[in-house]
C-alpha atoms as a PDB file:
ATOM      1  CA  MET A   1      13.253 -32.917 136.994  1.00  0.00           C
ATOM      2  CA  ALA A   2      13.336 -29.685 139.241  1.00  0.00           C
ATOM      3  CA  ASN A   3      10.744 -28.345 136.956  1.00  0.00           C
ATOM      4  CA  LEU A   4       8.401 -31.231 137.138  1.00  0.00           C
ATOM      5  CA  ILE A   5       8.647 -30.966 141.066  1.00  0.00           C
ATOM      6  CA  ALA A   6       7.972 -27.140 140.764  1.00  0.00           C
ATOM      7  CA  ALA A   7       5.051 -27.905 138.512  1.00  0.00           C
ATOM      8  CA  LEU A   8       3.608 -30.346 141.413  1.00  0.00           C
ATOM      9  CA  ASN A   9       4.099 -27.689 144.006  1.00  0.00           C
ATOM     10  CA  ALA A  10       2.353 -24.982 142.079  1.00  0.00           C
ATOM     11  CA  ASN A  11      -0.626 -27.096 141.057  1.00  0.00           C
ATOM     12  CA  SER A  12      -0.891 -28.147 144.671  1.00  0.00           C
ATOM     13  CA  ILE A  13      -1.189 -24.453 145.795  1.00  0.00           C
ATOM     14  CA  VAL A  14      -3.807 -23.891 143.192  1.00  0.00           C
ATOM     15  CA  LEU A  15      -5.613 -26.768 144.421  1.00  0.00           C
ATOM     16  CA  ALA A  16      -5.315 -25.785 147.937  1.00  0.00           C
ATOM     17  CA  ASN A  17      -6.631 -21.909 147.372  1.00  0.00           C
ATOM     18  CA  ALA A  18      -9.575 -23.397 145.400  1.00  0.00           C
ATOM     19  CA  ALA A  19     -10.511 -25.674 148.189  1.00  0.00           C
ATOM     20  CA  SER A  20     -10.038 -22.752 150.737  1.00  0.00           C
ATOM     21  CA  ASN A  21     -12.169 -20.612 148.430  1.00  0.00           C
ATOM     22  CA  VAL A  22     -14.946 -23.304 148.236  1.00  0.00           C
ATOM     23  CA  ALA A  23     -14.752 -23.883 152.236  1.00  0.00           C
ATOM     24  CA  ASN A  24     -15.377 -20.183 152.550  1.00  0.00           C
ATOM     25  CA  LEU A  25     -18.325 -19.985 150.076  1.00  0.00           C
ATOM     26  CA  ASN A  26     -20.687 -19.182 152.712  1.00  0.00           C
ATOM     27  CA  THR A  27     -18.427 -16.796 154.840  1.00  0.00           C
ATOM     28  CA  GLN A  28     -19.472 -13.119 155.320  1.00  0.00           C
ATOM     29  CA  ASP A  29     -17.020 -10.769 153.668  1.00  0.00           C
ATOM     30  CA  TYR A  30     -14.818 -13.472 152.540  1.00  0.00           C
ATOM     31  CA  LYS A  31     -12.509 -12.392 149.505  1.00  0.00           C
ATOM     32  CA  SER A  32     -11.621 -15.189 147.227  1.00  0.00           C
ATOM     33  CA  ILE A  33      -7.791 -16.038 146.536  1.00  0.00           C
ATOM     34  CA  ARG A  34      -6.830 -16.259 142.925  1.00  0.00           C
ATOM     35  CA  THR A  35      -3.820 -18.307 142.029  1.00  0.00           C
ATOM     36  CA  THR A  36      -2.016 -18.247 138.490  1.00  0.00           C
ATOM     37  CA  ILE A  37       0.914 -20.421 137.495  1.00  0.00           C
ATOM     38  CA  VAL A  38       3.620 -18.551 135.927  1.00  0.00           C
ATOM     39  CA  GLN A  39       7.310 -19.142 134.796  1.00  0.00           C
ATOM     40  CA  GLY A  40       9.633 -18.055 137.237  1.00  0.00           C
ATOM     41  CA  SER A  41      13.040 -16.309 136.816  1.00  0.00           C
ATOM     42  CA  ASN A  42      14.657 -19.713 136.585  1.00  0.00           C
ATOM     43  CA  GLY A  43      12.386 -21.171 134.018  1.00  0.00           C
ATOM     44  CA  ASN A  44      10.389 -23.368 136.559  1.00  0.00           C
ATOM     45  CA  PRO A  45       6.612 -22.842 137.145  1.00  0.00           C
ATOM     46  CA  SER A  46       5.608 -21.097 140.275  1.00  0.00           C
ATOM     47  CA  ALA A  47       2.289 -20.003 141.754  1.00  0.00           C
ATOM     48  CA  VAL A  48       1.373 -16.382 142.249  1.00  0.00           C
ATOM     49  CA  THR A  49      -1.466 -15.749 144.655  1.00  0.00           C
ATOM     50  CA  GLN A  50      -3.666 -12.666 145.192  1.00  0.00           C
ATOM     51  CA  ARG A  51      -6.684 -11.818 147.292  1.00  0.00           C
ATOM     52  CA  THR A  52      -9.486 -10.555 145.002  1.00  0.00           C
ATOM     53  CA  THR A  53     -11.076  -6.991 145.832  1.00  0.00           C
ATOM     54  CA  THR A  54     -14.371  -7.705 143.940  1.00  0.00           C
ATOM     55  CA  GLN A  55     -17.345  -6.948 146.219  1.00  0.00           C
ATOM     56  CA  GLY A  56     -19.696  -9.651 147.258  1.00  0.00           C
ATOM     57  CA  THR A  57     -23.512  -9.175 147.164  1.00  0.00           C
ATOM     58  CA  PRO A  58     -24.641  -6.900 150.090  1.00  0.00           C
ATOM     59  CA  ILE A  59     -26.756  -8.501 152.713  1.00  0.00           C
ATOM     60  CA  ASP A  60     -27.130  -5.596 155.004  1.00  0.00           C
ATOM     61  CA  GLU A  61     -25.474  -2.183 155.720  1.00  0.00           C
ATOM     62  CA  GLU A  62     -22.219  -3.844 157.278  1.00  0.00           C
ATOM     63  CA  TYR A  63     -21.906  -7.203 155.647  1.00  0.00           C
ATOM     64  CA  GLU A  64     -21.581  -8.748 152.181  1.00  0.00           C
ATOM     65  CA  THR A  65     -21.469 -12.302 150.831  1.00  0.00           C
ATOM     66  CA  SER A  66     -18.327 -13.850 149.534  1.00  0.00           C
ATOM     67  CA  ASN A  67     -17.074 -13.211 146.189  1.00  0.00           C
ATOM     68  CA  VAL A  68     -16.485 -16.876 145.506  1.00  0.00           C
ATOM     69  CA  ASP A  69     -17.326 -17.985 142.010  1.00  0.00           C
ATOM     70  CA  LEU A  70     -18.123 -21.544 142.590  1.00  0.00           C
ATOM     71  CA  PRO A  71     -17.856 -22.684 138.850  1.00  0.00           C
ATOM     72  CA  GLN A  72     -14.555 -21.134 138.500  1.00  0.00           C
ATOM     73  CA  GLU A  73     -13.294 -22.640 141.650  1.00  0.00           C
ATOM     74  CA  TYR A  74     -14.348 -26.255 140.376  1.00  0.00           C
ATOM     75  CA  GLY A  75     -12.776 -25.426 136.902  1.00  0.00           C
ATOM     76  CA  ASP A  76      -9.498 -24.487 138.685  1.00  0.00           C
ATOM     77  CA  MET A  77      -9.482 -27.653 140.769  1.00  0.00           C
ATOM     78  CA  ILE A  78     -10.121 -30.000 137.721  1.00  0.00           C
ATOM     79  CA  LEU A  79      -7.518 -28.258 135.722  1.00  0.00           C
ATOM     80  CA  SER A  80      -5.056 -28.268 138.574  1.00  0.00           C
ATOM     81  CA  GLN A  81      -5.544 -31.993 139.208  1.00  0.00           C
ATOM     82  CA  ARG A  82      -5.061 -32.843 135.520  1.00  0.00           C
ATOM     83  CA  CYS A  83      -1.779 -30.754 135.545  1.00  0.00           C
ATOM     84  CA  TYR A  84      -0.761 -32.508 138.801  1.00  0.00           C
ATOM     85  CA  GLU A  85      -1.484 -35.953 137.280  1.00  0.00           C
ATOM     86  CA  ALA A  86       0.517 -34.962 133.969  1.00  0.00           C
ATOM     87  CA  ALA A  87       3.524 -33.927 135.927  1.00  0.00           C
ATOM     88  CA  LEU A  88       3.337 -37.335 137.921  1.00  0.00           C
ATOM     89  CA  SER A  89       3.097 -39.171 134.678  1.00  0.00           C
ATOM     90  CA  ALA A  90       6.102 -37.427 133.514  1.00  0.00           C
ATOM     91  CA  ILE A  91       8.093 -38.339 136.686  1.00  0.00           C
ATOM     92  CA  GLU A  92       6.860 -41.987 136.323  1.00  0.00           C
ATOM     93  CA  ALA A  93       8.009 -42.164 132.738  1.00  0.00           C
ATOM     94  CA  ARG A  94      11.418 -40.603 133.557  1.00  0.00           C
ATOM     95  CA  GLU A  95      12.024 -43.178 136.379  1.00  0.00           C
ATOM     96  CA  GLU A  96      11.019 -46.119 133.959  1.00  0.00           C
ATOM     97  CA  MET A  97      13.479 -44.786 131.388  1.00  0.00           C
ATOM     98  CA  LEU A  98      16.197 -44.533 133.826  1.00  0.00           C
ATOM     99  CA  LYS A  99      15.514 -48.017 135.089  1.00  0.00           C
ATOM    100  CA  ASP A 100      15.587 -49.457 131.490  1.00  0.00           C
ATOM    101  CA  LEU A 101      18.850 -47.506 130.987  1.00  0.00           C
ATOM    102  CA  MET A 102      20.165 -49.006 134.093  1.00  0.00           C
ATOM    103  CA  ASP A 103      19.253 -52.684 132.988  1.00  0.00           C
ATOM    104  CA  VAL A 104      20.969 -52.227 129.758  1.00  0.00           C
ATOM    105  CA  PHE A 105      24.217 -51.359 131.628  1.00  0.00           C
ATOM    106  CA  VAL A 106      23.711 -54.311 133.987  1.00  0.00           C
ATOM    107  CA  ASP A 107      23.118 -56.646 131.021  1.00  0.00           C
ATOM    108  CA  ARG A 108      26.465 -55.868 129.357  1.00  0.00           C
END
């Protein structure tokens, strides 16, 4: 159960960071946040976040556009949403199995 909750947490971080990148698409000098999900030392998924260093397009001598890659962000959002839904489905299935098991013991 802990790994499912960790997966929900990690995917919510990915989704929040992708949403932040999309919100800052037109912010000058904004550097996007990249988040990856890795297996932690305890075996549970965890999110690792880094600020990118890729340069945006220069707009004058002092400023540049953000380096947000909109298709990448939407892809990350869709993927994290699907992973979140899968973890929720697994939790729901676990709860149903536990309920069925408890019903078997009550019926005895």
